[in-house]
Structures are given as structure tokens and as C-alpha cells.
Amino acid sequence: MANVVRAALVQATWTGDTESMIAKHEEHAREAARQGAKIIGFQEVFNAPYFCQVQEPEHYRWAESVPDGPTVTRMRELARETGMVVVVPVFEVEQSGFYFNTAAVIDSDGSYLGKYRKHHIPQVKGFWEKYYFKPGNAGWPVFDTAVGKVGVYICYDRHFPEGWRQLGLNGAQIVYNPSATSRGLSAYLWQLEQPAAAVANEYFIAAINRVGVEEYGDNDFYGTSYFVDPRGQFVGETASDKAEELVVRDLDLGLIEEVRQQWAFYRDRRPDAYEGLVQP
């Protein structure tokens, strides 16, 4: 029998405050559960606006601890309620002066499994992330969840193939890529890079983007979130480029082994020849 996982993602518009933003995502999660979903993921720093369009100290107020902060605590309760695995991207403060762009992974019973911290931090117009975030220092964890082995890669990370590969080597079957990317900067890459990474590493990817224009800049987040399979094919249609949307799709994890036997990319790797790739 096929190992099919019903998976969900949410692309959302900013509501104007954290409480209503979290509440909206809780309702999306409950609807996904009603549709039979067993895992759900949210967009980059989902409980806040994309404040990195500006460089202002006031925006450190969005940061909280992981896993003991209010948002992850609340999401653990949501996971227990819905019986879903939940991928929760937030602005993390570890201690004074140590801030990270982070995603917590919560299992279907509400247990906190761990976190991924974004490795690659952009610093270009409209995406001033180095002002806020240190580069991730927690490696490339893959979490053994109720639905299988789940990894996370965050937004700008997607331009760097090394992390995609490490997640595959660590056993990932599904990788969630929460993002905030806008029209005009690299939109044409959105439906190119993640399908290519899914093919190269032979797993499923959930590519999540914000949608709409928010209060701290003119970035027009274009949505079009999707799931892509290990053959690089979209699972169903992509989401709207203008409207908020809950996307629920069935992922046949049996396809992973089928593709790996057919294409054999892992067999034919040459790590003995790759030493130059990690030289400064």
C-alpha cells in the first residue's frame, strides 16, 4: 500500500497584529485537519509582518524564545488539538544579542522536536535581514515525526544547494521551505529552484510564500505556494498569486524510493571529489 501523507501549507496576508495573525493560522490548521491533513507549515516569521523591509530597532519586539515563548507554546497546543505535525517559523531570541530566523517543529502529540535556524542571511534592498538575524548554527536537522522524516530550509536558503543536499543525506522525506519573496527580485526562480532541488535530492518540498503588500515596505509578496514531488512535478495546482490560501495535497512517500532506484543520484555522488566546494 502506498505511504500517502496528506500535507498542508498556508500562504497568508498580514492582519496587522500578532494575536489575529496567530488566530487566523489556527483556523486554517483546524480546517486542514478537517480535510484530513496530518502535517501543516506556515510562512517565514508567520506571526509578524515581514519587518526586514526596514532596519529599525523597534522590530526586535517580535522576537521570542523557542520553544518556551508564547507562539510555540500555543502551537504545541494546536498540534495536540488537531493531531497534526506543525512547522512554526518565528523570530527567535536565544539571549540578549543572539537573534535567529527559526522554525520550530512540533509533533502531532504536541511534543517539541527541535528547531532549524536559517543559515544564509540576505542583506539587500527590501530584505535587510543581517540587521536582525545571526546565521544559523544548529546544523541541518531532520525530525522523525508522526508522518515521516521532515526537514526545514528557510527562504533565502533555497538559493544554496548545499543545504538541500545535507537535508537529503540526513534522511528528509519532506522539506518545508517557508519564505517571503516578492515580485521583481527573483520571482522567475520561484518555480525553478525548488522543483530542481526536489529532483536533485529526491524528496518532496513544500514551498510557502507570503502574499500581498504589507505596512513596512512596498514588497509585493506573490504567493503561488506549492508542493513539488521528487520528479520535480507540482502536486496539484500552485496557489493564488494574490490571495490568501490553504493548500492541502496528498504526498505519496513511496515515490521517493521509486525515484531513488530509477535515477540513483545518491549512489553516484562523489563526495571524495568535492573537497574544493567547502574551501573559503
C-alpha atoms as a PDB file:
ATOM      1  CA  MET A   1       0.000   0.000   0.000  1.00  0.00           C
ATOM      2  CA  ALA A   2       1.231   3.484  -0.851  1.00  0.00           C
ATOM      3  CA  ASN A   3       2.511   5.574   2.052  1.00  0.00           C
ATOM      4  CA  VAL A   4       0.380   8.664   1.407  1.00  0.00           C
ATOM      5  CA  VAL A   5       0.628  11.689   3.705  1.00  0.00           C
ATOM      6  CA  ARG A   6      -1.957  14.449   3.426  1.00  0.00           C
ATOM      7  CA  ALA A   7       0.033  17.651   3.897  1.00  0.00           C
ATOM      8  CA  ALA A   8      -0.950  21.317   4.160  1.00  0.00           C
ATOM      9  CA  LEU A   9       0.596  24.761   3.937  1.00  0.00           C
ATOM     10  CA  VAL A  10      -0.731  28.278   4.430  1.00  0.00           C
ATOM     11  CA  GLN A  11       0.131  31.425   2.481  1.00  0.00           C
ATOM     12  CA  ALA A  12      -1.315  34.377   4.377  1.00  0.00           C
ATOM     13  CA  THR A  13      -1.834  38.120   4.279  1.00  0.00           C
ATOM     14  CA  TRP A  14      -0.681  40.186   7.268  1.00  0.00           C
ATOM     15  CA  THR A  15      -3.568  41.105   9.573  1.00  0.00           C
ATOM     16  CA  GLY A  16      -1.928  43.995  11.418  1.00  0.00           C
ATOM     17  CA  ASP A  17      -1.276  42.332  14.778  1.00  0.00           C
ATOM     18  CA  THR A  18       0.178  39.126  16.164  1.00  0.00           C
ATOM     19  CA  GLU A  19      -2.899  37.882  18.009  1.00  0.00           C
ATOM     20  CA  SER A  20      -5.182  37.935  14.968  1.00  0.00           C
ATOM     21  CA  MET A  21      -2.414  36.532  12.752  1.00  0.00           C
ATOM     22  CA  ILE A  22      -1.926  33.534  15.022  1.00  0.00           C
ATOM     23  CA  ALA A  23      -5.685  33.040  15.408  1.00  0.00           C
ATOM     24  CA  LYS A  24      -6.100  33.036  11.633  1.00  0.00           C
ATOM     25  CA  HIS A  25      -3.442  30.362  11.239  1.00  0.00           C
ATOM     26  CA  GLU A  26      -5.078  28.287  13.961  1.00  0.00           C
ATOM     27  CA  GLU A  27      -8.318  28.331  11.988  1.00  0.00           C
ATOM     28  CA  HIS A  28      -6.506  27.342   8.798  1.00  0.00           C
ATOM     29  CA  ALA A  29      -4.913  24.464  10.713  1.00  0.00           C
ATOM     30  CA  ARG A  30      -8.266  23.294  12.057  1.00  0.00           C
ATOM     31  CA  GLU A  31      -9.696  23.370   8.538  1.00  0.00           C
ATOM     32  CA  ALA A  32      -6.698  21.412   7.239  1.00  0.00           C
ATOM     33  CA  ALA A  33      -7.294  18.820   9.974  1.00  0.00           C
ATOM     34  CA  ARG A  34     -10.953  18.599   8.976  1.00  0.00           C
ATOM     35  CA  GLN A  35      -9.731  17.831   5.457  1.00  0.00           C
ATOM     36  CA  GLY A  36      -7.565  15.033   6.818  1.00  0.00           C
ATOM     37  CA  ALA A  37      -4.156  16.739   6.812  1.00  0.00           C
ATOM     38  CA  LYS A  38      -1.518  15.269   9.127  1.00  0.00           C
ATOM     39  CA  ILE A  39       1.141  17.989   8.769  1.00  0.00           C
ATOM     40  CA  ILE A  40       0.994  21.751   8.173  1.00  0.00           C
ATOM     41  CA  GLY A  41       3.575  24.501   7.744  1.00  0.00           C
ATOM     42  CA  PHE A  42       3.375  28.297   7.862  1.00  0.00           C
ATOM     43  CA  GLN A  43       5.281  31.098   6.101  1.00  0.00           C
ATOM     44  CA  GLU A  44       8.519  32.742   7.234  1.00  0.00           C
ATOM     45  CA  VAL A  45       8.106  34.589  10.593  1.00  0.00           C
ATOM     46  CA  PHE A  46       4.418  33.774  10.275  1.00  0.00           C
ATOM     47  CA  ASN A  47       3.187  35.629  13.368  1.00  0.00           C
ATOM     48  CA  ALA A  48       4.641  39.011  12.324  1.00  0.00           C
ATOM     49  CA  PRO A  49       4.873  41.268   9.297  1.00  0.00           C
ATOM     50  CA  TYR A  50       7.959  40.951   7.114  1.00  0.00           C
ATOM     51  CA  PHE A  51       9.681  43.749   9.078  1.00  0.00           C
ATOM     52  CA  CYS A  52      13.031  43.164   7.324  1.00  0.00           C
ATOM     53  CA  GLN A  53      11.950  45.637   4.641  1.00  0.00           C
ATOM     54  CA  VAL A  54      13.324  48.249   7.079  1.00  0.00           C
ATOM     55  CA  GLN A  55      16.154  48.413   9.614  1.00  0.00           C
ATOM     56  CA  GLU A  56      14.643  49.694  12.839  1.00  0.00           C
ATOM     57  CA  PRO A  57      15.327  48.539  16.415  1.00  0.00           C
ATOM     58  CA  GLU A  58      11.609  48.600  17.249  1.00  0.00           C
ATOM     59  CA  HIS A  59      11.195  45.325  15.338  1.00  0.00           C
ATOM     60  CA  TYR A  60      13.194  43.316  17.838  1.00  0.00           C
ATOM     61  CA  ARG A  61       9.895  43.314  19.736  1.00  0.00           C
ATOM     62  CA  TRP A  62       8.675  40.477  17.507  1.00  0.00           C
ATOM     63  CA  ALA A  63      11.338  38.108  18.865  1.00  0.00           C
ATOM     64  CA  GLU A  64      10.582  35.380  21.403  1.00  0.00           C
ATOM     65  CA  SER A  65      12.247  32.302  22.819  1.00  0.00           C
ATOM     66  CA  VAL A  66      11.953  28.849  21.264  1.00  0.00           C
ATOM     67  CA  PRO A  67      10.426  26.577  22.455  1.00  0.00           C
ATOM     68  CA  ASP A  68       9.216  28.330  25.595  1.00  0.00           C
ATOM     69  CA  GLY A  69       7.864  31.532  24.010  1.00  0.00           C
ATOM     70  CA  PRO A  70       4.139  32.223  23.671  1.00  0.00           C
ATOM     71  CA  THR A  71       3.778  31.360  19.984  1.00  0.00           C
ATOM     72  CA  VAL A  72       5.474  27.962  20.011  1.00  0.00           C
ATOM     73  CA  THR A  73       3.703  27.114  23.274  1.00  0.00           C
ATOM     74  CA  ARG A  74       0.389  27.927  21.626  1.00  0.00           C
ATOM     75  CA  MET A  75       1.297  25.935  18.519  1.00  0.00           C
ATOM     76  CA  ARG A  76       2.097  22.913  20.669  1.00  0.00           C
ATOM     77  CA  GLU A  77      -1.458  23.109  21.997  1.00  0.00           C
ATOM     78  CA  LEU A  78      -2.728  23.387  18.416  1.00  0.00           C
ATOM     79  CA  ALA A  79      -0.768  20.282  17.394  1.00  0.00           C
ATOM     80  CA  ARG A  80      -2.281  18.318  20.281  1.00  0.00           C
ATOM     81  CA  GLU A  81      -5.760  19.556  19.399  1.00  0.00           C
ATOM     82  CA  THR A  82      -5.567  18.752  15.681  1.00  0.00           C
ATOM     83  CA  GLY A  83      -3.254  15.721  15.771  1.00  0.00           C
ATOM     84  CA  MET A  84      -1.033  17.348  13.142  1.00  0.00           C
ATOM     85  CA  VAL A  85       2.690  17.924  12.862  1.00  0.00           C
ATOM     86  CA  VAL A  86       3.206  21.722  12.763  1.00  0.00           C
ATOM     87  CA  VAL A  87       6.158  23.666  11.288  1.00  0.00           C
ATOM     88  CA  VAL A  88       6.301  27.048  13.058  1.00  0.00           C
ATOM     89  CA  PRO A  89       8.615  29.794  11.684  1.00  0.00           C
ATOM     90  CA  VAL A  90       9.293  32.633  14.161  1.00  0.00           C
ATOM     91  CA  PHE A  91      11.837  35.339  15.081  1.00  0.00           C
ATOM     92  CA  GLU A  92      13.849  33.711  17.863  1.00  0.00           C
ATOM     93  CA  VAL A  93      15.800  35.350  20.668  1.00  0.00           C
ATOM     94  CA  GLU A  94      18.203  32.934  22.358  1.00  0.00           C
ATOM     95  CA  GLN A  95      19.727  35.501  24.721  1.00  0.00           C
ATOM     96  CA  SER A  96      20.464  39.213  24.609  1.00  0.00           C
ATOM     97  CA  GLY A  97      22.068  39.998  21.248  1.00  0.00           C
ATOM     98  CA  PHE A  98      21.518  36.499  19.825  1.00  0.00           C
ATOM     99  CA  TYR A  99      18.642  36.501  17.338  1.00  0.00           C
ATOM    100  CA  PHE A 100      17.791  33.919  14.690  1.00  0.00           C
ATOM    101  CA  ASN A 101      15.306  33.306  11.882  1.00  0.00           C
ATOM    102  CA  THR A 102      13.972  29.989  13.158  1.00  0.00           C
ATOM    103  CA  ALA A 103      11.382  27.281  12.569  1.00  0.00           C
ATOM    104  CA  ALA A 104      10.237  25.003  15.379  1.00  0.00           C
ATOM    105  CA  VAL A 105       8.959  21.536  14.506  1.00  0.00           C
ATOM    106  CA  ILE A 106       6.189  20.122  16.685  1.00  0.00           C
ATOM    107  CA  ASP A 107       4.980  16.533  16.516  1.00  0.00           C
ATOM    108  CA  SER A 108       1.325  15.516  16.302  1.00  0.00           C
ATOM    109  CA  ASP A 109       1.102  14.937  20.082  1.00  0.00           C
ATOM    110  CA  GLY A 110       2.347  18.466  20.818  1.00  0.00           C
ATOM    111  CA  SER A 111       5.896  17.460  21.683  1.00  0.00           C
ATOM    112  CA  TYR A 112       8.630  19.873  20.630  1.00  0.00           C
ATOM    113  CA  LEU A 113      11.092  18.037  18.378  1.00  0.00           C
ATOM    114  CA  GLY A 114      13.606  20.805  17.752  1.00  0.00           C
ATOM    115  CA  LYS A 115      14.400  23.808  15.605  1.00  0.00           C
ATOM    116  CA  TYR A 116      16.053  24.818  12.358  1.00  0.00           C
ATOM    117  CA  ARG A 117      17.855  28.163  12.165  1.00  0.00           C
ATOM    118  CA  LYS A 118      18.221  29.855   8.778  1.00  0.00           C
ATOM    119  CA  HIS A 119      21.821  29.600   7.593  1.00  0.00           C
ATOM    120  CA  HIS A 120      22.001  32.113   4.751  1.00  0.00           C
ATOM    121  CA  ILE A 121      21.043  35.686   5.678  1.00  0.00           C
ATOM    122  CA  PRO A 122      20.416  38.236   2.889  1.00  0.00           C
ATOM    123  CA  GLN A 123      21.229  41.937   3.093  1.00  0.00           C
ATOM    124  CA  VAL A 124      19.779  43.662   0.029  1.00  0.00           C
ATOM    125  CA  LYS A 125      17.124  46.326  -0.507  1.00  0.00           C
ATOM    126  CA  GLY A 126      13.826  45.233   0.990  1.00  0.00           C
ATOM    127  CA  PHE A 127      15.446  42.222   2.687  1.00  0.00           C
ATOM    128  CA  TRP A 128      17.696  43.713   5.396  1.00  0.00           C
ATOM    129  CA  GLU A 129      17.945  40.515   7.413  1.00  0.00           C
ATOM    130  CA  LYS A 130      21.520  40.825   8.656  1.00  0.00           C
ATOM    131  CA  TYR A 131      20.325  43.758  10.759  1.00  0.00           C
ATOM    132  CA  TYR A 132      18.205  41.305  12.773  1.00  0.00           C
ATOM    133  CA  PHE A 133      19.471  37.731  12.424  1.00  0.00           C
ATOM    134  CA  LYS A 134      22.671  35.822  13.120  1.00  0.00           C
ATOM    135  CA  PRO A 135      23.446  32.987  10.672  1.00  0.00           C
ATOM    136  CA  GLY A 136      22.023  29.670  11.809  1.00  0.00           C
ATOM    137  CA  ASN A 137      24.269  27.489  13.962  1.00  0.00           C
ATOM    138  CA  ALA A 138      22.085  24.437  14.574  1.00  0.00           C
ATOM    139  CA  GLY A 139      23.016  22.357  11.544  1.00  0.00           C
ATOM    140  CA  TRP A 140      20.584  20.634   9.189  1.00  0.00           C
ATOM    141  CA  PRO A 141      18.303  18.615  11.462  1.00  0.00           C
ATOM    142  CA  VAL A 142      15.743  16.182  10.110  1.00  0.00           C
ATOM    143  CA  PHE A 143      12.937  15.411  12.532  1.00  0.00           C
ATOM    144  CA  ASP A 144      11.381  11.975  12.985  1.00  0.00           C
ATOM    145  CA  THR A 145       7.693  12.942  13.069  1.00  0.00           C
ATOM    146  CA  ALA A 146       4.394  11.082  13.044  1.00  0.00           C
ATOM    147  CA  VAL A 147       4.245  11.478   9.241  1.00  0.00           C
ATOM    148  CA  GLY A 148       7.868  10.701   8.427  1.00  0.00           C
ATOM    149  CA  LYS A 149      11.183  12.500   8.314  1.00  0.00           C
ATOM    150  CA  VAL A 150      10.726  16.270   7.980  1.00  0.00           C
ATOM    151  CA  GLY A 151      13.337  18.973   7.361  1.00  0.00           C
ATOM    152  CA  VAL A 152      13.195  22.769   7.051  1.00  0.00           C
ATOM    153  CA  TYR A 153      15.039  25.253   4.841  1.00  0.00           C
ATOM    154  CA  ILE A 154      14.070  28.942   5.095  1.00  0.00           C
ATOM    155  CA  CYS A 155      13.554  31.416   2.203  1.00  0.00           C
ATOM    156  CA  TYR A 156      16.966  32.712   1.010  1.00  0.00           C
ATOM    157  CA  ASP A 157      18.472  29.327   1.906  1.00  0.00           C
ATOM    158  CA  ARG A 158      16.771  27.928  -1.183  1.00  0.00           C
ATOM    159  CA  HIS A 159      19.373  29.571  -3.460  1.00  0.00           C
ATOM    160  CA  PHE A 160      22.119  27.403  -1.919  1.00  0.00           C
ATOM    161  CA  PRO A 161      22.148  23.726  -2.995  1.00  0.00           C
ATOM    162  CA  GLU A 162      24.392  22.525  -0.180  1.00  0.00           C
ATOM    163  CA  GLY A 163      21.677  22.635   2.487  1.00  0.00           C
ATOM    164  CA  TRP A 164      19.131  20.884   0.308  1.00  0.00           C
ATOM    165  CA  ARG A 165      21.658  18.076  -0.165  1.00  0.00           C
ATOM    166  CA  GLN A 166      22.528  17.840   3.522  1.00  0.00           C
ATOM    167  CA  LEU A 167      18.846  17.509   4.394  1.00  0.00           C
ATOM    168  CA  GLY A 168      18.605  14.654   1.902  1.00  0.00           C
ATOM    169  CA  LEU A 169      21.684  12.972   3.305  1.00  0.00           C
ATOM    170  CA  ASN A 170      20.137  13.312   6.750  1.00  0.00           C
ATOM    171  CA  GLY A 171      17.085  11.377   5.576  1.00  0.00           C
ATOM    172  CA  ALA A 172      14.466  14.032   4.794  1.00  0.00           C
ATOM    173  CA  GLN A 173      11.327  12.889   3.005  1.00  0.00           C
ATOM    174  CA  ILE A 174       9.501  16.233   3.147  1.00  0.00           C
ATOM    175  CA  VAL A 175      11.219  19.626   3.401  1.00  0.00           C
ATOM    176  CA  TYR A 176       9.218  22.744   4.263  1.00  0.00           C
ATOM    177  CA  ASN A 177      10.609  25.986   2.819  1.00  0.00           C
ATOM    178  CA  PRO A 178       8.799  28.941   4.467  1.00  0.00           C
ATOM    179  CA  SER A 179       9.554  32.147   2.573  1.00  0.00           C
ATOM    180  CA  ALA A 180       8.848  35.827   2.000  1.00  0.00           C
ATOM    181  CA  THR A 181       9.738  36.654  -1.590  1.00  0.00           C
ATOM    182  CA  SER A 182       8.435  39.477  -3.768  1.00  0.00           C
ATOM    183  CA  ARG A 183       7.741  40.184  -7.410  1.00  0.00           C
ATOM    184  CA  GLY A 184      10.589  41.533  -9.494  1.00  0.00           C
ATOM    185  CA  LEU A 185      13.538  40.417  -7.369  1.00  0.00           C
ATOM    186  CA  SER A 186      13.753  36.728  -8.221  1.00  0.00           C
ATOM    187  CA  ALA A 187      10.186  35.699  -8.996  1.00  0.00           C
ATOM    188  CA  TYR A 188      11.168  33.703 -12.059  1.00  0.00           C
ATOM    189  CA  LEU A 189      13.299  31.461  -9.816  1.00  0.00           C
ATOM    190  CA  TRP A 190      10.363  30.533  -7.567  1.00  0.00           C
ATOM    191  CA  GLN A 191       9.055  27.737  -9.760  1.00  0.00           C
ATOM    192  CA  LEU A 192      12.546  26.716 -10.880  1.00  0.00           C
ATOM    193  CA  GLU A 193      14.743  26.266  -7.808  1.00  0.00           C
ATOM    194  CA  GLN A 194      12.561  24.167  -5.510  1.00  0.00           C
ATOM    195  CA  PRO A 195      11.459  21.708  -8.232  1.00  0.00           C
ATOM    196  CA  ALA A 196      15.136  21.392  -9.224  1.00  0.00           C
ATOM    197  CA  ALA A 197      16.103  20.773  -5.590  1.00  0.00           C
ATOM    198  CA  ALA A 198      13.324  18.181  -5.259  1.00  0.00           C
ATOM    199  CA  VAL A 199      14.729  16.349  -8.286  1.00  0.00           C
ATOM    200  CA  ALA A 200      18.387  16.611  -7.257  1.00  0.00           C
ATOM    201  CA  ASN A 201      17.679  15.367  -3.745  1.00  0.00           C
ATOM    202  CA  GLU A 202      14.687  13.131  -4.468  1.00  0.00           C
ATOM    203  CA  TYR A 203      12.199  14.236  -1.824  1.00  0.00           C
ATOM    204  CA  PHE A 204       9.053  16.372  -1.514  1.00  0.00           C
ATOM    205  CA  ILE A 205       9.240  20.132  -0.953  1.00  0.00           C
ATOM    206  CA  ALA A 206       6.557  22.440   0.420  1.00  0.00           C
ATOM    207  CA  ALA A 207       7.347  25.923  -0.930  1.00  0.00           C
ATOM    208  CA  ILE A 208       5.465  28.602   1.043  1.00  0.00           C
ATOM    209  CA  ASN A 209       5.375  32.317   0.200  1.00  0.00           C
ATOM    210  CA  ARG A 210       3.612  35.268   1.763  1.00  0.00           C
ATOM    211  CA  VAL A 211       1.000  37.118  -0.257  1.00  0.00           C
ATOM    212  CA  GLY A 212       0.157  40.832  -0.555  1.00  0.00           C
ATOM    213  CA  VAL A 213       1.768  44.171   0.314  1.00  0.00           C
ATOM    214  CA  GLU A 214       2.486  44.913   3.975  1.00  0.00           C
ATOM    215  CA  GLU A 215       2.932  48.051   6.040  1.00  0.00           C
ATOM    216  CA  TYR A 216       6.741  48.308   6.259  1.00  0.00           C
ATOM    217  CA  GLY A 217       7.592  48.498   2.567  1.00  0.00           C
ATOM    218  CA  ASP A 218       6.443  48.028  -1.000  1.00  0.00           C
ATOM    219  CA  ASN A 219       7.475  44.377  -1.436  1.00  0.00           C
ATOM    220  CA  ASP A 220       4.629  42.623  -3.243  1.00  0.00           C
ATOM    221  CA  PHE A 221       4.656  39.053  -1.971  1.00  0.00           C
ATOM    222  CA  TYR A 222       3.259  36.905  -4.754  1.00  0.00           C
ATOM    223  CA  GLY A 223       2.123  33.709  -3.066  1.00  0.00           C
ATOM    224  CA  THR A 224       1.968  30.850  -5.614  1.00  0.00           C
ATOM    225  CA  SER A 225       2.861  28.368  -2.873  1.00  0.00           C
ATOM    226  CA  TYR A 226       3.000  24.706  -3.832  1.00  0.00           C
ATOM    227  CA  PHE A 227       4.059  21.155  -3.138  1.00  0.00           C
ATOM    228  CA  VAL A 228       6.514  19.524  -5.559  1.00  0.00           C
ATOM    229  CA  ASP A 229       7.382  15.840  -5.783  1.00  0.00           C
ATOM    230  CA  PRO A 230      10.750  14.035  -6.259  1.00  0.00           C
ATOM    231  CA  ARG A 231      10.274  14.114 -10.021  1.00  0.00           C
ATOM    232  CA  GLY A 232      10.016  17.910  -9.945  1.00  0.00           C
ATOM    233  CA  GLN A 233       6.299  17.889 -10.714  1.00  0.00           C
ATOM    234  CA  PHE A 234       3.785  20.063  -8.885  1.00  0.00           C
ATOM    235  CA  VAL A 235       1.360  18.134  -6.705  1.00  0.00           C
ATOM    236  CA  GLY A 236      -1.868  19.761  -7.836  1.00  0.00           C
ATOM    237  CA  GLU A 237      -2.059  23.427  -8.777  1.00  0.00           C
ATOM    238  CA  THR A 238       0.017  26.238  -7.296  1.00  0.00           C
ATOM    239  CA  ALA A 239      -1.790  28.669  -5.011  1.00  0.00           C
ATOM    240  CA  SER A 240      -3.032  32.117  -5.996  1.00  0.00           C
ATOM    241  CA  ASP A 241      -0.534  34.929  -6.625  1.00  0.00           C
ATOM    242  CA  LYS A 242      -2.829  37.479  -4.962  1.00  0.00           C
ATOM    243  CA  ALA A 243      -4.998  35.836  -2.306  1.00  0.00           C
ATOM    244  CA  GLU A 244      -4.543  34.008   0.969  1.00  0.00           C
ATOM    245  CA  GLU A 245      -4.912  30.260   0.605  1.00  0.00           C
ATOM    246  CA  LEU A 246      -4.777  26.972   2.448  1.00  0.00           C
ATOM    247  CA  VAL A 247      -3.238  24.271   0.231  1.00  0.00           C
ATOM    248  CA  VAL A 248      -3.855  20.592   1.065  1.00  0.00           C
ATOM    249  CA  ARG A 249      -2.267  17.846  -1.030  1.00  0.00           C
ATOM    250  CA  ASP A 250      -1.633  14.099  -0.853  1.00  0.00           C
ATOM    251  CA  LEU A 251       2.067  13.176  -0.961  1.00  0.00           C
ATOM    252  CA  ASP A 252       2.910   9.572  -1.848  1.00  0.00           C
ATOM    253  CA  LEU A 253       6.152   8.999   0.022  1.00  0.00           C
ATOM    254  CA  GLY A 254       6.562   5.702  -1.806  1.00  0.00           C
ATOM    255  CA  LEU A 255       7.561   7.761  -4.831  1.00  0.00           C
ATOM    256  CA  ILE A 256      10.812   8.689  -3.081  1.00  0.00           C
ATOM    257  CA  GLU A 257      12.190   5.163  -3.120  1.00  0.00           C
ATOM    258  CA  GLU A 258      10.901   4.610  -6.657  1.00  0.00           C
ATOM    259  CA  VAL A 259      12.723   7.680  -7.942  1.00  0.00           C
ATOM    260  CA  ARG A 260      15.911   6.921  -5.999  1.00  0.00           C
ATOM    261  CA  GLN A 261      16.058   3.453  -7.523  1.00  0.00           C
ATOM    262  CA  GLN A 262      15.379   4.806 -11.013  1.00  0.00           C
ATOM    263  CA  TRP A 263      17.689   7.834 -11.020  1.00  0.00           C
ATOM    264  CA  ALA A 264      20.226   6.676  -8.424  1.00  0.00           C
ATOM    265  CA  PHE A 265      21.658  10.129  -7.752  1.00  0.00           C
ATOM    266  CA  TYR A 266      22.712   9.217  -4.222  1.00  0.00           C
ATOM    267  CA  ARG A 267      24.528   6.136  -5.468  1.00  0.00           C
ATOM    268  CA  ASP A 268      26.526   8.174  -7.961  1.00  0.00           C
ATOM    269  CA  ARG A 269      27.585  11.004  -5.659  1.00  0.00           C
ATOM    270  CA  ARG A 270      31.357  11.643  -5.443  1.00  0.00           C
ATOM    271  CA  PRO A 271      31.993  13.177  -2.013  1.00  0.00           C
ATOM    272  CA  ASP A 272      35.657  12.135  -2.358  1.00  0.00           C
ATOM    273  CA  ALA A 273      35.943  14.666  -5.196  1.00  0.00           C
ATOM    274  CA  TYR A 274      34.091  17.558  -3.570  1.00  0.00           C
ATOM    275  CA  GLU A 275      36.673  18.911  -1.106  1.00  0.00           C
ATOM    276  CA  GLY A 276      37.090  22.152  -3.030  1.00  0.00           C
ATOM    277  CA  LEU A 277      33.435  23.033  -2.544  1.00  0.00           C
ATOM    278  CA  VAL A 278      33.963  23.847   1.122  1.00  0.00           C
ATOM    279  CA  GLN A 279      37.115  25.951   0.763  1.00  0.00           C
ATOM    280  CA  PRO A 280      36.615  29.680   1.550  1.00  0.00           C
END
